[in-house]
C-alpha atoms as a PDB file:
ATOM      1  CA  UNK A   1       1.114 -21.711 -38.268  1.00  0.00           C
ATOM      2  CA  UNK A   2      -2.284 -20.276 -37.318  1.00  0.00           C
ATOM      3  CA  UNK A   3      -1.295 -20.083 -33.656  1.00  0.00           C
ATOM      4  CA  UNK A   4       1.876 -18.240 -34.570  1.00  0.00           C
ATOM      5  CA  UNK A   5      -0.124 -15.697 -36.538  1.00  0.00           C
ATOM      6  CA  UNK A   6      -2.620 -15.205 -33.693  1.00  0.00           C
ATOM      7  CA  UNK A   7       0.260 -14.667 -31.290  1.00  0.00           C
ATOM      8  CA  UNK A   8       1.949 -12.153 -33.552  1.00  0.00           C
ATOM      9  CA  UNK A   9      -1.318 -10.281 -34.085  1.00  0.00           C
ATOM     10  CA  UNK A  10      -2.052 -10.095 -30.361  1.00  0.00           C
ATOM     11  CA  UNK A  11       1.576  -8.969 -29.653  1.00  0.00           C
ATOM     12  CA  UNK A  12       1.441  -6.249 -32.334  1.00  0.00           C
ATOM     13  CA  UNK A  13      -1.912  -4.971 -31.020  1.00  0.00           C
ATOM     14  CA  UNK A  14      -0.523  -4.900 -27.491  1.00  0.00           C
ATOM     15  CA  UNK A  15       2.534  -2.944 -28.552  1.00  0.00           C
ATOM     16  CA  UNK A  16       0.363  -0.541 -30.497  1.00  0.00           C
ATOM     17  CA  UNK A  17      -1.697   0.065 -27.421  1.00  0.00           C
ATOM     18  CA  UNK A  18       1.369   0.706 -25.276  1.00  0.00           C
ATOM     19  CA  UNK A  19       2.677   3.228 -27.824  1.00  0.00           C
ATOM     20  CA  UNK A  20      -0.693   4.975 -28.002  1.00  0.00           C
ATOM     21  CA  UNK A  21      -0.904   5.084 -24.235  1.00  0.00           C
ATOM     22  CA  UNK A  22       2.515   6.684 -23.756  1.00  0.00           C
ATOM     23  CA  UNK A  23       1.673   9.594 -26.064  1.00  0.00           C
ATOM     24  CA  UNK A  24      -0.231  11.130 -23.119  1.00  0.00           C
ATOM     25  CA  UNK A  25       2.031  13.321 -21.013  1.00  0.00           C
ATOM     26  CA  UNK A  26       0.302  12.825 -17.646  1.00  0.00           C
ATOM     27  CA  UNK A  27       0.209   9.558 -15.811  1.00  0.00           C
ATOM     28  CA  UNK A  28      -3.491   9.932 -14.951  1.00  0.00           C
ATOM     29  CA  UNK A  29      -4.308  10.348 -18.659  1.00  0.00           C
ATOM     30  CA  UNK A  30      -2.223   7.271 -19.581  1.00  0.00           C
ATOM     31  CA  UNK A  31      -4.036   5.274 -16.882  1.00  0.00           C
ATOM     32  CA  UNK A  32      -7.477   6.501 -18.008  1.00  0.00           C
ATOM     33  CA  UNK A  33      -6.771   5.673 -21.643  1.00  0.00           C
ATOM     34  CA  UNK A  34      -5.421   2.159 -20.748  1.00  0.00           C
ATOM     35  CA  UNK A  35      -8.385   1.350 -18.565  1.00  0.00           C
ATOM     36  CA  UNK A  36     -10.872   2.499 -21.167  1.00  0.00           C
ATOM     37  CA  UNK A  37      -9.186   0.365 -23.899  1.00  0.00           C
ATOM     38  CA  UNK A  38      -8.780  -2.646 -21.681  1.00  0.00           C
ATOM     39  CA  UNK A  39     -12.231  -2.531 -20.061  1.00  0.00           C
ATOM     40  CA  UNK A  40     -13.661  -5.955 -19.587  1.00  0.00           C
ATOM     41  CA  UNK A  41     -17.116  -4.772 -18.387  1.00  0.00           C
ATOM     42  CA  UNK A  42     -18.466  -6.253 -15.244  1.00  0.00           C
ATOM     43  CA  UNK A  43     -15.440  -8.428 -14.585  1.00  0.00           C
ATOM     44  CA  UNK A  44     -13.127  -5.439 -14.565  1.00  0.00           C
ATOM     45  CA  UNK A  45      -9.536  -5.207 -15.603  1.00  0.00           C
ATOM     46  CA  UNK A  46      -6.907  -7.382 -13.897  1.00  0.00           C
ATOM     47  CA  UNK A  47      -3.589  -5.692 -13.530  1.00  0.00           C
ATOM     48  CA  UNK A  48      -0.803  -7.556 -15.284  1.00  0.00           C
ATOM     49  CA  UNK A  49       1.213  -8.744 -12.254  1.00  0.00           C
ATOM     50  CA  UNK A  50       2.149  -6.255  -9.615  1.00  0.00           C
ATOM     51  CA  UNK A  51       1.695  -2.461  -9.627  1.00  0.00           C
ATOM     52  CA  UNK A  52       5.411  -2.297 -10.519  1.00  0.00           C
ATOM     53  CA  UNK A  53       4.714  -4.265 -13.723  1.00  0.00           C
ATOM     54  CA  UNK A  54       1.671  -2.118 -14.545  1.00  0.00           C
ATOM     55  CA  UNK A  55       3.721   0.997 -13.859  1.00  0.00           C
ATOM     56  CA  UNK A  56       6.404  -0.161 -16.305  1.00  0.00           C
ATOM     57  CA  UNK A  57       3.783  -0.618 -19.042  1.00  0.00           C
ATOM     58  CA  UNK A  58       2.496   2.972 -18.395  1.00  0.00           C
ATOM     59  CA  UNK A  59       6.120   4.262 -18.382  1.00  0.00           C
ATOM     60  CA  UNK A  60       5.991   5.565 -14.817  1.00  0.00           C
ATOM     61  CA  UNK A  61       6.984   4.449 -11.332  1.00  0.00           C
ATOM     62  CA  UNK A  62       4.933   2.410  -8.910  1.00  0.00           C
ATOM     63  CA  UNK A  63       4.319   5.294  -6.403  1.00  0.00           C
ATOM     64  CA  UNK A  64       3.017   7.600  -9.118  1.00  0.00           C
ATOM     65  CA  UNK A  65       0.712   4.897 -10.422  1.00  0.00           C
ATOM     66  CA  UNK A  66      -0.564   4.201  -6.953  1.00  0.00           C
ATOM     67  CA  UNK A  67      -1.291   7.893  -6.368  1.00  0.00           C
ATOM     68  CA  UNK A  68      -3.238   8.188  -9.599  1.00  0.00           C
ATOM     69  CA  UNK A  69      -5.187   4.988  -8.880  1.00  0.00           C
ATOM     70  CA  UNK A  70      -6.155   6.427  -5.479  1.00  0.00           C
ATOM     71  CA  UNK A  71      -7.099   9.751  -7.053  1.00  0.00           C
ATOM     72  CA  UNK A  72      -9.402   7.940  -9.594  1.00  0.00           C
ATOM     73  CA  UNK A  73     -10.962   6.010  -6.657  1.00  0.00           C
ATOM     74  CA  UNK A  74     -11.617   9.249  -4.717  1.00  0.00           C
ATOM     75  CA  UNK A  75     -13.136  10.746  -7.866  1.00  0.00           C
ATOM     76  CA  UNK A  76     -15.506   7.734  -8.027  1.00  0.00           C
ATOM     77  CA  UNK A  77     -14.275   6.915 -11.532  1.00  0.00           C
ATOM     78  CA  UNK A  78     -12.967   3.418 -10.607  1.00  0.00           C
ATOM     79  CA  UNK A  79     -13.229   0.833  -7.943  1.00  0.00           C
ATOM     80  CA  UNK A  80      -9.975  -0.949  -6.914  1.00  0.00           C
ATOM     81  CA  UNK A  81     -10.069  -4.357  -5.271  1.00  0.00           C
ATOM     82  CA  UNK A  82      -6.636  -5.953  -5.077  1.00  0.00           C
ATOM     83  CA  UNK A  83      -5.482  -6.220  -8.654  1.00  0.00           C
ATOM     84  CA  UNK A  84      -8.969  -5.804 -10.164  1.00  0.00           C
ATOM     85  CA  UNK A  85      -9.954  -2.363 -11.398  1.00  0.00           C
ATOM     86  CA  UNK A  86     -13.606  -1.798 -12.309  1.00  0.00           C
ATOM     87  CA  UNK A  87     -14.659   1.359 -14.142  1.00  0.00           C
ATOM     88  CA  UNK A  88     -17.563   3.074 -12.305  1.00  0.00           C
ATOM     89  CA  UNK A  89     -17.810   6.178 -14.416  1.00  0.00           C
ATOM     90  CA  UNK A  90     -16.491   6.013 -17.995  1.00  0.00           C
ATOM     91  CA  UNK A  91     -17.289   9.630 -18.644  1.00  0.00           C
ATOM     92  CA  UNK A  92     -14.951  10.829 -15.962  1.00  0.00           C
ATOM     93  CA  UNK A  93     -12.091   8.848 -17.548  1.00  0.00           C
ATOM     94  CA  UNK A  94     -12.930  10.213 -20.987  1.00  0.00           C
ATOM     95  CA  UNK A  95     -12.911  13.787 -19.515  1.00  0.00           C
ATOM     96  CA  UNK A  96      -9.502  13.131 -17.968  1.00  0.00           C
ATOM     97  CA  UNK A  97      -8.074  12.048 -21.255  1.00  0.00           C
ATOM     98  CA  UNK A  98      -9.545  15.125 -23.118  1.00  0.00           C
ATOM     99  CA  UNK A  99      -8.614  17.723 -20.534  1.00  0.00           C
ATOM    100  CA  UNK A 100      -5.230  19.391 -19.797  1.00  0.00           C
ATOM    101  CA  UNK A 101      -5.151  18.508 -16.100  1.00  0.00           C
END
């Protein structure tokens, strides 16, 4: 029973995060919010599956997600290595969320 409750709790928290993420109108804001809330520190964030799966979570398409990931890399906000995303500059991501880009 305890395992079922843990699963339900994690599932509800995950769905809550998806809902909160999709309240942002711009893909780059959704991406920044997701990365900040999923930040694992030095180990980085591992994309769930392919970019297509990650794009579905963020309610966008793969090409838009890829463009925004590259934009964040060029801004020196993140470092992208395969499926691992490391946050280099948290403040830039926070500014993206708070601005009307």
